[in-house]
């Protein structure tokens, strides 16, 4: 799948509060229970992950079920977007939107 830019400008942090899965589900006339059944996961696990720090593999499964790229699961403000990326380190996901974000993340993981 070709990846598209879709992140909101924030300092490097966990993905908490930046996902738009519920919006995508609504667009498709689905709910979290149906999504859970489709990807073979527990509904509660998905709900907790979407409000916390989901693993990349869970995000990839959700994206696949919704027929979107992983990046499409995230909120974006195109006016602020420059450098963008999702870095997964030790099972945690971080937004990178500019060189300062990158530097802060490097310091965080040293």
Protein backbone atom coordinates (compact mmCIF):
# COMPACT_ATOMS: atom_id res chain seq x y z
CA UNK A 1 0.00 0.00 0.00
CA UNK A 2 1.23 3.47 -0.81
CA UNK A 3 1.41 5.57 2.33
CA UNK A 4 -0.07 9.07 2.51
CA UNK A 5 0.78 11.91 4.86
CA UNK A 6 -1.77 12.18 7.64
CA UNK A 7 -0.30 13.37 10.94
CA UNK A 8 -1.13 16.38 13.05
CA UNK A 9 1.73 18.62 14.17
CA UNK A 10 2.55 17.71 17.76
CA UNK A 11 5.72 17.02 19.71
CA UNK A 12 6.79 13.39 19.70
CA UNK A 13 4.36 11.51 21.86
CA UNK A 14 2.31 8.38 21.94
CA UNK A 15 -0.57 8.31 19.49
CA UNK A 16 -3.13 8.90 22.24
CA UNK A 17 -5.97 11.17 21.16
CA UNK A 18 -4.79 11.46 17.56
CA UNK A 19 -6.58 8.56 15.93
CA UNK A 20 -9.65 8.90 13.73
CA UNK A 21 -10.73 5.25 13.74
CA UNK A 22 -14.20 6.03 15.11
CA UNK A 23 -14.72 8.56 12.32
CA UNK A 24 -13.65 6.00 9.71
CA UNK A 25 -15.91 3.37 11.25
CA UNK A 26 -18.86 5.77 11.13
CA UNK A 27 -18.13 6.56 7.46
CA UNK A 28 -18.32 2.83 6.74
CA UNK A 29 -21.41 2.20 8.86
CA UNK A 30 -19.45 -0.01 11.23
CA UNK A 31 -18.87 -0.09 14.97
CA UNK A 32 -15.96 -1.25 17.10
CA UNK A 33 -17.59 -4.63 17.75
CA UNK A 34 -17.82 -5.31 14.01
CA UNK A 35 -14.23 -4.17 13.53
CA UNK A 36 -13.09 -6.45 16.34
CA UNK A 37 -14.85 -9.41 14.74
CA UNK A 38 -13.33 -8.61 11.37
CA UNK A 39 -9.75 -8.52 12.68
CA UNK A 40 -10.20 -11.27 15.26
CA UNK A 41 -9.59 -9.10 18.30
CA UNK A 42 -11.43 -8.38 21.51
CA UNK A 43 -13.60 -5.24 21.38
CA UNK A 44 -12.33 -4.06 24.76
CA UNK A 45 -8.71 -4.48 23.68
CA UNK A 46 -9.35 -2.31 20.63
CA UNK A 47 -11.19 0.34 22.64
CA UNK A 48 -8.39 0.57 25.21
CA UNK A 49 -5.72 0.65 22.52
CA UNK A 50 -7.45 3.46 20.64
CA UNK A 51 -7.46 5.64 23.75
CA UNK A 52 -3.96 4.65 24.82
CA UNK A 53 -0.92 3.45 22.93
CA UNK A 54 -1.86 0.90 20.26
CA UNK A 55 0.78 -1.35 18.78
CA UNK A 56 1.72 -0.93 15.16
CA UNK A 57 0.45 -4.43 14.39
CA UNK A 58 -3.00 -3.55 15.76
CA UNK A 59 -3.02 -0.32 13.75
CA UNK A 60 -1.99 -2.26 10.64
CA UNK A 61 -4.83 -4.75 11.19
CA UNK A 62 -7.35 -1.95 11.70
CA UNK A 63 -6.11 -0.11 8.61
CA UNK A 64 -6.36 -3.27 6.55
CA UNK A 65 -9.91 -3.93 7.77
CA UNK A 66 -10.90 -0.36 6.91
CA UNK A 67 -9.08 -0.54 3.56
CA UNK A 68 -6.84 2.46 4.33
CA UNK A 69 -3.14 3.03 4.96
CA UNK A 70 -2.00 3.13 8.59
CA UNK A 71 -1.29 6.83 8.21
CA UNK A 72 -4.94 7.40 7.28
CA UNK A 73 -5.91 6.39 10.82
CA UNK A 74 -4.44 9.63 12.20
CA UNK A 75 -5.76 13.18 12.43
CA UNK A 76 -3.96 15.65 10.17
CA UNK A 77 -3.76 19.38 9.80
CA UNK A 78 -2.44 19.83 6.27
CA UNK A 79 -1.66 23.52 6.82
CA UNK A 80 0.89 22.66 9.50
CA UNK A 81 2.35 19.54 7.89
CA UNK A 82 5.96 19.63 6.69
CA UNK A 83 8.07 16.66 7.71
CA UNK A 84 5.84 13.83 8.84
CA UNK A 85 6.30 10.32 10.07
CA UNK A 86 5.32 7.62 12.46
CA UNK A 87 8.16 6.06 14.41
CA UNK A 88 7.60 2.83 16.28
CA UNK A 89 10.19 2.23 18.98
CA UNK A 90 9.96 -0.54 21.56
CA UNK A 91 6.29 -1.05 20.77
CA UNK A 92 5.33 2.62 21.18
CA UNK A 93 4.27 4.87 18.33
CA UNK A 94 5.44 8.48 17.99
CA UNK A 95 4.55 11.33 15.62
CA UNK A 96 7.37 13.16 13.86
CA UNK A 97 6.37 16.40 12.17
CA UNK A 98 9.58 18.41 11.94
CA UNK A 99 13.26 18.22 12.71
CA UNK A 100 12.67 19.41 16.27
CA UNK A 101 10.29 16.49 16.86
CA UNK A 102 12.94 14.17 15.48
CA UNK A 103 15.61 15.60 17.80
CA UNK A 104 13.32 15.32 20.84
CA UNK A 105 12.52 11.72 20.00
CA UNK A 106 16.20 10.87 19.60
CA UNK A 107 16.88 12.37 23.03
CA UNK A 108 13.92 10.48 24.49
CA UNK A 109 15.13 7.09 23.27
CA UNK A 110 18.85 7.53 24.10
